[in-house]
Amino acid sequence: MALDVIGAGYGRTGTLTLKTALEMLGFGPCHHMLEVMGDPAQVAFWNRAADGESVDWEEVYANYRSTVDWPGCHFYGELADRYPDARVILSSRDPKAWHASMSETILKGMEEMGLKDEVPKDHPMYFGAVMIAQHAFGFDYSLESATAALERHNSAVRSTIPENRLLEFEVSDGWEPLCAFLGLPVPDAPFPRTNERENFGEHIETAKGVARDLGGD
């Protein structure tokens, strides 16, 4: 099974809502960081990929039709080359709102897991520090630095992916632009609305459990 849709947007830009919408449109299963937490066997693959090793993307994506969020968004360019027929969606939101959401969810979890600074390669969740702390934030989590980093990433996506292959999307846009981009009719169902922040503490505990099981503290 080849990927049909590649999400290039960073986490906390509505990626869980986008995952749900894509699955409703038939592009499921859709990969998301929650898939890694639910299948810890994937962690070793992502650690290798984060370390720059050559990987076979089918090893992890063989049973998926789409991907959003980290860790996949870190490799959007490589995935776009590997799956040349896939369309790319750059999810986005107001930068200040994104920073506030990141601070209350993903960054909070990373701090609890010791992933906000450089970590040794034997850390069970090494890939998170590389992709998010180092690459996305440059270890600077201030509002000014983080929002500038978000815009650099979005600009890089725009310059890398051809315009006719790319959709810039906010979940507030609803079904119409997403379905038009994917060549599908609008479903006779409300656009999904997820509020992952309310339950994010549960995700943090799951991630910490995975790290413990894989050899962390």
Protein backbone atom coordinates (compact mmCIF):
# COMPACT_ATOMS: atom_id res chain seq x y z
CA MET A 1 0.00 0.00 0.00
CA ALA A 2 1.49 3.36 -1.02
CA LEU A 3 0.90 6.62 0.82
CA ASP A 4 -1.70 8.78 -0.92
CA VAL A 5 -1.48 11.76 1.44
CA ILE A 6 1.53 13.18 3.28
CA GLY A 7 1.00 15.66 6.09
CA ALA A 8 3.86 18.16 6.30
CA GLY A 9 2.47 20.27 9.14
CA TYR A 10 3.98 20.21 12.61
CA GLY A 11 2.11 18.67 15.50
CA ARG A 12 -0.54 20.82 17.21
CA THR A 13 -1.68 22.31 13.90
CA GLY A 14 -4.87 20.24 13.91
CA THR A 15 -3.18 17.02 12.93
CA LEU A 16 -5.45 14.73 14.94
CA THR A 17 -8.51 16.34 13.39
CA LEU A 18 -6.89 15.99 9.96
CA LYS A 19 -6.13 12.32 10.66
CA THR A 20 -9.78 11.74 11.54
CA ALA A 21 -10.98 13.59 8.44
CA LEU A 22 -8.66 11.66 6.12
CA GLU A 23 -9.82 8.37 7.56
CA MET A 24 -13.46 9.41 7.07
CA LEU A 25 -12.59 10.13 3.42
CA GLY A 26 -11.10 6.65 2.93
CA PHE A 27 -7.41 7.50 3.37
CA GLY A 28 -6.99 5.31 6.42
CA PRO A 29 -5.30 4.07 8.33
CA CYS A 30 -3.56 7.42 8.83
CA HIS A 31 -0.24 7.45 10.68
CA HIS A 32 0.23 9.89 13.57
CA MET A 33 2.45 10.02 16.64
CA LEU A 34 -0.34 8.21 18.50
CA GLU A 35 0.25 5.25 16.19
CA VAL A 36 3.84 5.04 17.41
CA MET A 37 2.71 5.11 21.03
CA GLY A 38 0.23 2.35 20.24
CA ASP A 39 2.85 0.22 18.48
CA PRO A 40 6.16 0.61 20.36
CA ALA A 41 7.86 -1.71 17.86
CA GLN A 42 7.94 1.33 15.53
CA VAL A 43 10.18 3.31 17.89
CA ALA A 44 13.41 1.60 16.79
CA PHE A 45 12.62 2.46 13.16
CA TRP A 46 12.10 6.14 13.95
CA ASN A 47 15.25 6.28 16.06
CA ARG A 48 17.23 4.96 13.09
CA ALA A 49 15.58 7.39 10.71
CA ALA A 50 16.26 10.32 13.06
CA ASP A 51 19.91 9.30 13.21
CA GLY A 52 20.19 9.63 9.44
CA GLU A 53 20.30 5.92 8.65
CA SER A 54 18.92 4.74 5.34
CA VAL A 55 15.47 3.25 5.93
CA ASP A 56 12.83 1.48 3.89
CA TRP A 57 9.69 3.58 4.37
CA GLU A 58 7.52 0.59 3.61
CA GLU A 59 8.79 -0.97 6.83
CA VAL A 60 6.56 1.40 8.77
CA TYR A 61 4.05 2.66 6.19
CA ALA A 62 3.15 -0.62 4.45
CA ASN A 63 -0.32 -0.66 6.01
CA TYR A 64 -1.03 3.08 5.93
CA ARG A 65 -2.58 5.25 3.23
CA SER A 66 -1.71 8.60 4.80
CA THR A 67 0.46 10.21 7.44
CA VAL A 68 0.23 13.40 9.50
CA ASP A 69 1.99 14.88 12.54
CA TRP A 70 5.40 13.90 13.83
CA PRO A 71 7.39 11.81 13.12
CA GLY A 72 6.32 11.71 9.45
CA CYS A 73 6.21 15.49 8.95
CA HIS A 74 9.94 15.65 9.71
CA PHE A 75 10.56 13.60 6.55
CA TYR A 76 7.94 15.16 4.28
CA GLY A 77 10.48 15.77 1.49
CA GLU A 78 11.83 12.24 1.48
CA LEU A 79 8.32 10.84 1.64
CA ALA A 80 7.20 13.05 -1.25
CA ASP A 81 10.07 11.65 -3.33
CA ARG A 82 9.36 8.07 -2.26
CA TYR A 83 5.64 8.39 -3.05
CA PRO A 84 5.56 10.71 -6.08
CA ASP A 85 1.80 10.36 -6.59
CA ALA A 86 0.97 11.37 -3.02
CA ARG A 87 -0.51 14.76 -2.33
CA VAL A 88 0.93 16.92 0.45
CA ILE A 89 -1.06 18.82 3.05
CA LEU A 90 0.55 21.58 5.11
CA SER A 91 -1.67 22.00 8.15
CA SER A 92 -1.25 25.30 9.94
CA ARG A 93 -2.76 27.58 12.57
CA ASP A 94 -2.11 30.94 14.19
CA PRO A 95 1.54 30.81 15.34
CA LYS A 96 0.89 32.19 18.83
CA ALA A 97 -1.96 29.74 19.39
CA TRP A 98 0.26 26.94 18.12
CA HIS A 99 3.05 27.87 20.54
CA ALA A 100 0.63 27.99 23.47
CA SER A 101 -0.76 24.58 22.53
CA MET A 102 2.70 23.07 22.09
CA SER A 103 3.80 24.45 25.48
CA GLU A 104 0.83 22.89 27.26
CA THR A 105 1.03 19.50 25.56
CA ILE A 106 3.96 18.13 23.57
CA LEU A 107 6.67 20.25 25.19
CA LYS A 108 5.30 19.47 28.64
CA GLY A 109 5.50 15.77 27.89
CA MET A 110 9.00 16.07 26.45
CA GLU A 111 10.17 17.87 29.57
CA GLU A 112 8.82 15.09 31.77
CA MET A 113 10.66 12.56 29.60
CA GLY A 114 13.96 14.44 29.47
CA LEU A 115 13.69 15.19 25.75
CA LYS A 116 13.91 19.00 25.62
CA ASP A 117 17.71 19.03 25.48
CA GLU A 118 20.23 16.95 23.59
CA VAL A 119 19.95 13.30 24.58
CA PRO A 120 22.19 10.28 24.03
CA LYS A 121 21.36 7.94 21.18
CA ASP A 122 20.43 5.20 23.62
CA HIS A 123 17.50 7.23 24.98
CA PRO A 124 14.47 5.09 24.10
CA MET A 125 12.69 8.07 22.53
CA TYR A 126 15.76 9.60 20.89
CA PHE A 127 13.85 10.48 17.74
CA GLY A 128 11.61 12.92 19.60
CA ALA A 129 14.54 15.00 20.80
CA VAL A 130 16.08 15.07 17.33
CA MET A 131 12.93 15.88 15.37
CA ILE A 132 11.21 18.24 17.77
CA ALA A 133 13.67 19.67 20.31
CA GLN A 134 16.64 19.98 17.97
CA HIS A 135 15.27 20.29 14.45
CA ALA A 136 11.95 22.06 15.00
CA PHE A 137 12.87 24.30 17.95
CA GLY A 138 16.66 24.44 17.99
CA PHE A 139 16.34 23.93 21.77
CA ASP A 140 14.84 27.43 22.08
CA TYR A 141 11.20 27.30 23.16
CA SER A 142 10.53 31.02 23.47
CA LEU A 143 7.57 32.45 21.60
CA GLU A 144 9.71 34.52 19.23
CA SER A 145 12.10 31.71 18.35
CA ALA A 146 9.48 28.99 18.08
CA THR A 147 7.08 30.92 15.87
CA ALA A 148 9.97 31.90 13.60
CA ALA A 149 10.93 28.23 13.38
CA LEU A 150 7.37 27.30 12.45
CA GLU A 151 7.36 29.84 9.64
CA ARG A 152 10.74 28.62 8.37
CA HIS A 153 9.38 25.09 8.22
CA ASN A 154 6.21 26.17 6.41
CA SER A 155 8.25 28.24 3.94
CA ALA A 156 10.52 25.26 3.30
CA VAL A 157 7.50 23.09 2.53
CA ARG A 158 6.16 25.69 0.10
CA SER A 159 9.50 25.91 -1.70
CA THR A 160 9.99 22.12 -1.81
CA ILE A 161 6.57 20.85 -2.87
CA PRO A 162 5.13 21.96 -6.24
CA GLU A 163 2.11 24.20 -5.88
CA ASN A 164 -0.18 21.80 -7.75
CA ARG A 165 0.69 19.06 -5.27
CA LEU A 166 0.29 21.09 -2.07
CA LEU A 167 -2.69 22.18 0.01
CA GLU A 168 -2.25 24.67 2.84
CA PHE A 169 -5.01 23.83 5.26
CA GLU A 170 -6.47 24.99 8.56
CA VAL A 171 -9.02 22.74 10.21
CA SER A 172 -11.39 25.71 10.43
CA ASP A 173 -11.58 25.51 6.61
CA GLY A 174 -13.70 22.36 6.88
CA TRP A 175 -14.45 19.81 4.20
CA GLU A 176 -14.63 21.91 1.04
CA PRO A 177 -10.97 22.73 0.30
CA LEU A 178 -9.79 19.34 1.56
CA CYS A 179 -12.23 17.41 -0.60
CA ALA A 180 -11.60 19.62 -3.64
CA PHE A 181 -7.87 19.00 -3.29
CA LEU A 182 -8.37 15.24 -3.00
CA GLY A 183 -10.96 15.10 -5.79
CA LEU A 184 -13.74 13.79 -3.58
CA PRO A 185 -17.32 14.87 -2.84
CA VAL A 186 -18.03 16.52 0.48
CA PRO A 187 -19.29 13.90 2.94
CA ASP A 188 -22.78 14.07 4.36
CA ALA A 189 -21.32 14.36 7.84
CA PRO A 190 -20.00 17.21 9.99
CA PHE A 191 -16.30 17.95 9.74
CA PRO A 192 -14.62 16.29 12.75
CA ARG A 193 -13.63 18.42 15.71
CA THR A 194 -11.15 16.91 18.12
CA ASN A 195 -9.85 18.54 21.28
CA GLU A 196 -6.81 16.44 22.03
CA ARG A 197 -5.51 18.93 24.58
CA GLU A 198 -8.14 17.82 27.10
CA ASN A 199 -6.78 14.26 27.05
CA PHE A 200 -3.13 14.97 26.40
CA GLY A 201 -2.10 14.00 29.89
CA GLU A 202 -3.14 10.45 29.04
CA HIS A 203 -0.92 10.52 25.94
CA ILE A 204 2.03 11.71 28.04
CA GLU A 205 1.56 8.83 30.46
CA THR A 206 1.36 6.40 27.54
CA ALA A 207 4.59 7.76 26.07
CA LYS A 208 6.34 7.54 29.43
CA GLY A 209 5.18 3.94 29.75
CA VAL A 210 6.53 3.10 26.30
CA ALA A 211 9.89 4.66 27.23
CA ARG A 212 10.04 2.64 30.44
CA ASP A 213 9.21 -0.56 28.59
CA LEU A 214 11.94 0.15 26.05
CA GLY A 215 14.56 0.68 28.70
CA GLY A 216 14.13 4.23 29.94
CA ASP A 217 13.92 5.36 33.54
